[in-house]
Amino acid sequence: LVEQAGWSVDLAHPGYVHRLKQSPD
């Protein structure tokens, strides 16, 4: 996506993203 589509893509830490979720679903 960065090389072909010209996007700016960031990788996120899965553990911290899961903790930031407020919904159990």
PDB file of all heavy atoms in Angstrom:
ATOM      1  N   LEU A   1       0.824  -1.213   0.000  1.00  0.00           N
ATOM      2  CA  LEU A   1       0.000   0.000   0.000  1.00  0.00           C
ATOM      3  C   LEU A   1       0.857   1.263   0.000  1.00  0.00           C
ATOM      4  O   LEU A   1       0.479   2.272  -0.601  1.00  0.00           O
ATOM      5  CB  LEU A   1      -0.929  -0.009   1.215  1.00  0.00           C
ATOM      6  CG  LEU A   1      -2.055  -1.058   1.200  1.00  0.00           C
ATOM      7  CD1 LEU A   1      -2.779  -1.077   2.528  1.00  0.00           C
ATOM      8  CD2 LEU A   1      -3.022  -0.793   0.064  1.00  0.00           C
ATOM      9  N   VAL A   2       2.009   1.214   0.657  1.00  0.00           N
ATOM     10  CA  VAL A   2       2.890   2.383   0.677  1.00  0.00           C
ATOM     11  C   VAL A   2       3.554   2.589  -0.680  1.00  0.00           C
ATOM     12  O   VAL A   2       3.608   3.707  -1.214  1.00  0.00           O
ATOM     13  CB  VAL A   2       3.948   2.226   1.794  1.00  0.00           C
ATOM     14  CG1 VAL A   2       5.009   3.321   1.684  1.00  0.00           C
ATOM     15  CG2 VAL A   2       3.279   2.281   3.162  1.00  0.00           C
ATOM     16  N   GLU A   3       4.068   1.488  -1.258  1.00  0.00           N
ATOM     17  CA  GLU A   3       4.829   1.613  -2.502  1.00  0.00           C
ATOM     18  C   GLU A   3       3.930   1.759  -3.726  1.00  0.00           C
ATOM     19  O   GLU A   3       4.252   2.521  -4.644  1.00  0.00           O
ATOM     20  CB  GLU A   3       5.731   0.391  -2.665  1.00  0.00           C
ATOM     21  CG  GLU A   3       6.787   0.258  -1.561  1.00  0.00           C
ATOM     22  CD  GLU A   3       7.518  -1.064  -1.634  1.00  0.00           C
ATOM     23  OE1 GLU A   3       7.209  -1.866  -2.569  1.00  0.00           O
ATOM     24  OE2 GLU A   3       8.381  -1.314  -0.771  1.00  0.00           O
ATOM     25  N   GLN A   4       2.816   1.022  -3.767  1.00  0.00           N
ATOM     26  CA  GLN A   4       1.976   1.013  -4.954  1.00  0.00           C
ATOM     27  C   GLN A   4       0.863   2.066  -4.910  1.00  0.00           C
ATOM     28  O   GLN A   4       0.577   2.712  -5.926  1.00  0.00           O
ATOM     29  CB  GLN A   4       1.360  -0.383  -5.153  1.00  0.00           C
ATOM     30  CG  GLN A   4       2.377  -1.506  -5.205  1.00  0.00           C
ATOM     31  CD  GLN A   4       3.300  -1.407  -6.395  1.00  0.00           C
ATOM     32  OE1 GLN A   4       2.952  -0.834  -7.440  1.00  0.00           O
ATOM     33  NE2 GLN A   4       4.496  -1.974  -6.279  1.00  0.00           N
ATOM     34  N   ALA A   5       0.219   2.195  -3.751  1.00  0.00           N
ATOM     35  CA  ALA A   5      -0.919   3.117  -3.647  1.00  0.00           C
ATOM     36  C   ALA A   5      -0.537   4.483  -3.087  1.00  0.00           C
ATOM     37  O   ALA A   5      -1.357   5.398  -3.122  1.00  0.00           O
ATOM     38  CB  ALA A   5      -2.019   2.491  -2.783  1.00  0.00           C
ATOM     39  N   GLY A   6       0.665   4.621  -2.541  1.00  0.00           N
ATOM     40  CA  GLY A   6       1.084   5.903  -1.993  1.00  0.00           C
ATOM     41  C   GLY A   6       0.468   6.248  -0.647  1.00  0.00           C
ATOM     42  O   GLY A   6       0.407   7.424  -0.285  1.00  0.00           O
ATOM     43  N   TRP A   7       0.028   5.244   0.113  1.00  0.00           N
ATOM     44  CA  TRP A   7      -0.569   5.496   1.414  1.00  0.00           C
ATOM     45  C   TRP A   7       0.509   5.724   2.471  1.00  0.00           C
ATOM     46  O   TRP A   7       1.687   5.433   2.261  1.00  0.00           O
ATOM     47  CB  TRP A   7      -1.449   4.319   1.845  1.00  0.00           C
ATOM     48  CG  TRP A   7      -2.726   4.181   1.094  1.00  0.00           C
ATOM     49  CD1 TRP A   7      -3.065   4.798  -0.069  1.00  0.00           C
ATOM     50  CD2 TRP A   7      -3.828   3.349   1.453  1.00  0.00           C
ATOM     51  NE1 TRP A   7      -4.314   4.419  -0.472  1.00  0.00           N
ATOM     52  CE2 TRP A   7      -4.813   3.522   0.452  1.00  0.00           C
ATOM     53  CE3 TRP A   7      -4.092   2.493   2.496  1.00  0.00           C
ATOM     54  CZ2 TRP A   7      -6.022   2.861   0.485  1.00  0.00           C
ATOM     55  CZ3 TRP A   7      -5.297   1.823   2.547  1.00  0.00           C
ATOM     56  CH2 TRP A   7      -6.260   2.013   1.545  1.00  0.00           C
ATOM     57  N   SER A   8       0.069   6.215   3.611  1.00  0.00           N
ATOM     58  CA  SER A   8       0.889   6.268   4.816  1.00  0.00           C
ATOM     59  C   SER A   8       0.304   5.254   5.799  1.00  0.00           C
ATOM     60  O   SER A   8      -0.815   5.444   6.307  1.00  0.00           O
ATOM     61  CB  SER A   8       0.880   7.677   5.417  1.00  0.00           C
ATOM     62  OG  SER A   8       1.566   7.692   6.655  1.00  0.00           O
ATOM     63  N   VAL A   9       1.036   4.179   6.053  1.00  0.00           N
ATOM     64  CA  VAL A   9       0.520   3.062   6.842  1.00  0.00           C
ATOM     65  C   VAL A   9       1.358   2.924   8.114  1.00  0.00           C
ATOM     66  O   VAL A   9       2.592   2.911   8.059  1.00  0.00           O
ATOM     67  CB  VAL A   9       0.549   1.749   6.041  1.00  0.00           C
ATOM     68  CG1 VAL A   9      -0.052   0.610   6.861  1.00  0.00           C
ATOM     69  CG2 VAL A   9      -0.198   1.914   4.726  1.00  0.00           C
ATOM     70  N   ASP A  10       0.678   2.830   9.250  1.00  0.00           N
ATOM     71  CA  ASP A  10       1.314   2.613  10.552  1.00  0.00           C
ATOM     72  C   ASP A  10       0.918   1.241  11.078  1.00  0.00           C
ATOM     73  O   ASP A  10      -0.254   0.832  10.968  1.00  0.00           O
ATOM     74  CB  ASP A  10       0.889   3.685  11.564  1.00  0.00           C
ATOM     75  CG  ASP A  10       1.394   5.064  11.180  1.00  0.00           C
ATOM     76  OD1 ASP A  10       2.531   5.157  10.686  1.00  0.00           O
ATOM     77  OD2 ASP A  10       0.643   6.044  11.377  1.00  0.00           O
ATOM     78  N   LEU A  11       1.896   0.533  11.665  1.00  0.00           N
ATOM     79  CA  LEU A  11       1.621  -0.741  12.323  1.00  0.00           C
ATOM     80  C   LEU A  11       1.282  -0.484  13.783  1.00  0.00           C
ATOM     81  O   LEU A  11       1.961   0.301  14.462  1.00  0.00           O
ATOM     82  CB  LEU A  11       2.827  -1.675  12.221  1.00  0.00           C
ATOM     83  CG  LEU A  11       3.210  -2.163  10.815  1.00  0.00           C
ATOM     84  CD1 LEU A  11       4.365  -3.151  10.895  1.00  0.00           C
ATOM     85  CD2 LEU A  11       2.028  -2.803  10.120  1.00  0.00           C
ATOM     86  N   ALA A  12       0.227  -1.142  14.265  1.00  0.00           N
ATOM     87  CA  ALA A  12      -0.239  -0.951  15.639  1.00  0.00           C
ATOM     88  C   ALA A  12       0.101  -2.173  16.485  1.00  0.00           C
ATOM     89  O   ALA A  12       0.117  -3.306  15.996  1.00  0.00           O
ATOM     90  CB  ALA A  12      -1.754  -0.701  15.663  1.00  0.00           C
ATOM     91  N   HIS A  13       0.353  -1.931  17.759  1.00  0.00           N
ATOM     92  CA  HIS A  13       0.628  -3.006  18.714  1.00  0.00           C
ATOM     93  C   HIS A  13      -0.681  -3.719  19.049  1.00  0.00           C
ATOM     94  O   HIS A  13      -1.614  -3.087  19.575  1.00  0.00           O
ATOM     95  CB  HIS A  13       1.255  -2.432  19.980  1.00  0.00           C
ATOM     96  CG  HIS A  13       1.845  -3.459  20.883  1.00  0.00           C
ATOM     97  ND1 HIS A  13       1.078  -4.338  21.616  1.00  0.00           N
ATOM     98  CD2 HIS A  13       3.140  -3.766  21.163  1.00  0.00           C
ATOM     99  CE1 HIS A  13       1.863  -5.135  22.321  1.00  0.00           C
ATOM    100  NE2 HIS A  13       3.122  -4.801  22.067  1.00  0.00           N
ATOM    101  N   PRO A  14      -0.805  -5.027  18.775  1.00  0.00           N
ATOM    102  CA  PRO A  14      -2.100  -5.701  18.995  1.00  0.00           C
ATOM    103  C   PRO A  14      -2.534  -5.700  20.453  1.00  0.00           C
ATOM    104  O   PRO A  14      -3.722  -5.552  20.751  1.00  0.00           O
ATOM    105  CB  PRO A  14      -1.851  -7.126  18.477  1.00  0.00           C
ATOM    106  CG  PRO A  14      -0.659  -7.027  17.590  1.00  0.00           C
ATOM    107  CD  PRO A  14       0.179  -5.932  18.160  1.00  0.00           C
ATOM    108  N   GLY A  15      -1.569  -5.871  21.387  1.00  0.00           N
ATOM    109  CA  GLY A  15      -1.937  -5.920  22.797  1.00  0.00           C
ATOM    110  C   GLY A  15      -2.495  -4.604  23.311  1.00  0.00           C
ATOM    111  O   GLY A  15      -3.520  -4.567  24.005  1.00  0.00           O
ATOM    112  N   TYR A  16      -1.857  -3.491  22.957  1.00  0.00           N
ATOM    113  CA  TYR A  16      -2.334  -2.188  23.406  1.00  0.00           C
ATOM    114  C   TYR A  16      -3.655  -1.807  22.730  1.00  0.00           C
ATOM    115  O   TYR A  16      -4.515  -1.168  23.347  1.00  0.00           O
ATOM    116  CB  TYR A  16      -1.284  -1.119  23.141  1.00  0.00           C
ATOM    117  CG  TYR A  16      -0.092  -1.210  24.068  1.00  0.00           C
ATOM    118  CD1 TYR A  16       1.168  -1.529  23.587  1.00  0.00           C
ATOM    119  CD2 TYR A  16      -0.235  -0.978  25.434  1.00  0.00           C
ATOM    120  CE1 TYR A  16       2.256  -1.624  24.436  1.00  0.00           C
ATOM    121  CE2 TYR A  16       0.848  -1.058  26.293  1.00  0.00           C
ATOM    122  CZ  TYR A  16       2.092  -1.390  25.782  1.00  0.00           C
ATOM    123  OH  TYR A  16       3.166  -1.485  26.632  1.00  0.00           O
ATOM    124  N   VAL A  17      -3.821  -2.198  21.471  1.00  0.00           N
ATOM    125  CA  VAL A  17      -5.091  -1.915  20.792  1.00  0.00           C
ATOM    126  C   VAL A  17      -6.236  -2.658  21.471  1.00  0.00           C
ATOM    127  O   VAL A  17      -7.334  -2.123  21.644  1.00  0.00           O
ATOM    128  CB  VAL A  17      -4.992  -2.287  19.299  1.00  0.00           C
ATOM    129  CG1 VAL A  17      -6.356  -2.200  18.624  1.00  0.00           C
ATOM    130  CG2 VAL A  17      -4.002  -1.367  18.586  1.00  0.00           C
ATOM    131  N   HIS A  18      -5.972  -3.903  21.879  1.00  0.00           N
ATOM    132  CA  HIS A  18      -7.018  -4.674  22.565  1.00  0.00           C
ATOM    133  C   HIS A  18      -7.393  -4.029  23.900  1.00  0.00           C
ATOM    134  O   HIS A  18      -8.573  -4.038  24.293  1.00  0.00           O
ATOM    135  CB  HIS A  18      -6.526  -6.100  22.793  1.00  0.00           C
ATOM    136  CG  HIS A  18      -7.502  -6.976  23.519  1.00  0.00           C
ATOM    137  ND1 HIS A  18      -8.670  -7.427  22.941  1.00  0.00           N
ATOM    138  CD2 HIS A  18      -7.489  -7.471  24.791  1.00  0.00           C
ATOM    139  CE1 HIS A  18      -9.341  -8.167  23.823  1.00  0.00           C
ATOM    140  NE2 HIS A  18      -8.640  -8.207  24.943  1.00  0.00           N
ATOM    141  N   ARG A  19      -6.418  -3.472  24.600  1.00  0.00           N
ATOM    142  CA  ARG A  19      -6.721  -2.819  25.876  1.00  0.00           C
ATOM    143  C   ARG A  19      -7.509  -1.523  25.688  1.00  0.00           C
ATOM    144  O   ARG A  19      -8.266  -1.119  26.584  1.00  0.00           O
ATOM    145  CB  ARG A  19      -5.421  -2.522  26.625  1.00  0.00           C
ATOM    146  CG  ARG A  19      -4.667  -3.766  27.060  1.00  0.00           C
ATOM    147  CD  ARG A  19      -3.332  -3.410  27.686  1.00  0.00           C
ATOM    148  NE  ARG A  19      -2.538  -4.599  27.969  1.00  0.00           N
ATOM    149  CZ  ARG A  19      -1.305  -4.573  28.463  1.00  0.00           C
ATOM    150  NH1 ARG A  19      -0.726  -3.406  28.720  1.00  0.00           N
ATOM    151  NH2 ARG A  19      -0.657  -5.692  28.677  1.00  0.00           N
ATOM    152  N   LEU A  20      -7.312  -0.867  24.558  1.00  0.00           N
ATOM    153  CA  LEU A  20      -8.026   0.384  24.315  1.00  0.00           C
ATOM    154  C   LEU A  20      -9.480   0.167  23.905  1.00  0.00           C
ATOM    155  O   LEU A  20     -10.253   1.120  23.882  1.00  0.00           O
ATOM    156  CB  LEU A  20      -7.304   1.187  23.225  1.00  0.00           C
ATOM    157  CG  LEU A  20      -5.943   1.778  23.620  1.00  0.00           C
ATOM    158  CD1 LEU A  20      -5.252   2.384  22.406  1.00  0.00           C
ATOM    159  CD2 LEU A  20      -6.113   2.827  24.711  1.00  0.00           C
ATOM    160  N   LYS A  21      -9.840  -1.082  23.568  1.00  0.00           N
ATOM    161  CA  LYS A  21     -11.233  -1.353  23.203  1.00  0.00           C
ATOM    162  C   LYS A  21     -12.112  -1.249  24.434  1.00  0.00           C
ATOM    163  O   LYS A  21     -11.830  -1.809  25.486  1.00  0.00           O
ATOM    164  CB  LYS A  21     -11.371  -2.751  22.588  1.00  0.00           C
ATOM    165  CG  LYS A  21     -10.951  -2.837  21.143  1.00  0.00           C
ATOM    166  CD  LYS A  21     -11.426  -4.138  20.514  1.00  0.00           C
ATOM    167  CE  LYS A  21     -12.927  -4.175  20.409  1.00  0.00           C
ATOM    168  NZ  LYS A  21     -13.418  -5.363  19.662  1.00  0.00           N
ATOM    169  N   GLN A  22     -13.193  -0.517  24.316  1.00  0.00           N
ATOM    170  CA  GLN A  22     -14.134  -0.352  25.419  1.00  0.00           C
ATOM    171  C   GLN A  22     -15.270  -1.368  25.363  1.00  0.00           C
ATOM    172  O   GLN A  22     -15.935  -1.602  26.359  1.00  0.00           O
ATOM    173  CB  GLN A  22     -14.705   1.062  25.408  1.00  0.00           C
ATOM    174  CG  GLN A  22     -13.658   2.151  25.600  1.00  0.00           C
ATOM    175  CD  GLN A  22     -14.261   3.538  25.576  1.00  0.00           C
ATOM    176  OE1 GLN A  22     -15.460   3.697  25.356  1.00  0.00           O
ATOM    177  NE2 GLN A  22     -13.435   4.537  25.819  1.00  0.00           N
ATOM    178  N   SER A  23     -15.484  -1.974  24.216  1.00  0.00           N
ATOM    179  CA  SER A  23     -16.571  -2.938  24.073  1.00  0.00           C
ATOM    180  C   SER A  23     -16.021  -4.358  24.169  1.00  0.00           C
ATOM    181  O   SER A  23     -14.974  -4.658  23.599  1.00  0.00           O
ATOM    182  CB  SER A  23     -17.279  -2.751  22.719  1.00  0.00           C
ATOM    183  OG  SER A  23     -18.234  -3.772  22.509  1.00  0.00           O
ATOM    184  N   PRO A  24     -16.701  -5.247  24.895  1.00  0.00           N
ATOM    185  CA  PRO A  24     -16.233  -6.633  24.971  1.00  0.00           C
ATOM    186  C   PRO A  24     -16.444  -7.416  23.676  1.00  0.00           C
ATOM    187  O   PRO A  24     -15.857  -8.476  23.496  1.00  0.00           O
ATOM    188  CB  PRO A  24     -17.064  -7.227  26.117  1.00  0.00           C
ATOM    189  CG  PRO A  24     -18.320  -6.400  26.124  1.00  0.00           C
ATOM    190  CD  PRO A  24     -17.908  -5.024  25.704  1.00  0.00           C
ATOM    191  N   ASP A  25     -17.305  -6.912  22.801  1.00  0.00           N
ATOM    192  CA  ASP A  25     -17.581  -7.599  21.542  1.00  0.00           C
ATOM    193  C   ASP A  25     -16.394  -7.423  20.592  1.00  0.00           C
ATOM    194  O   ASP A  25     -15.876  -6.320  20.420  1.00  0.00           O
ATOM    195  CB  ASP A  25     -18.842  -7.048  20.881  1.00  0.00           C
ATOM    196  CG  ASP A  25     -20.070  -7.251  21.759  1.00  0.00           C
ATOM    197  OD1 ASP A  25     -20.073  -8.217  22.552  1.00  0.00           O
ATOM    198  OD2 ASP A  25     -21.001  -6.431  21.678  1.00  0.00           O
TER     199      ASP A  25
END
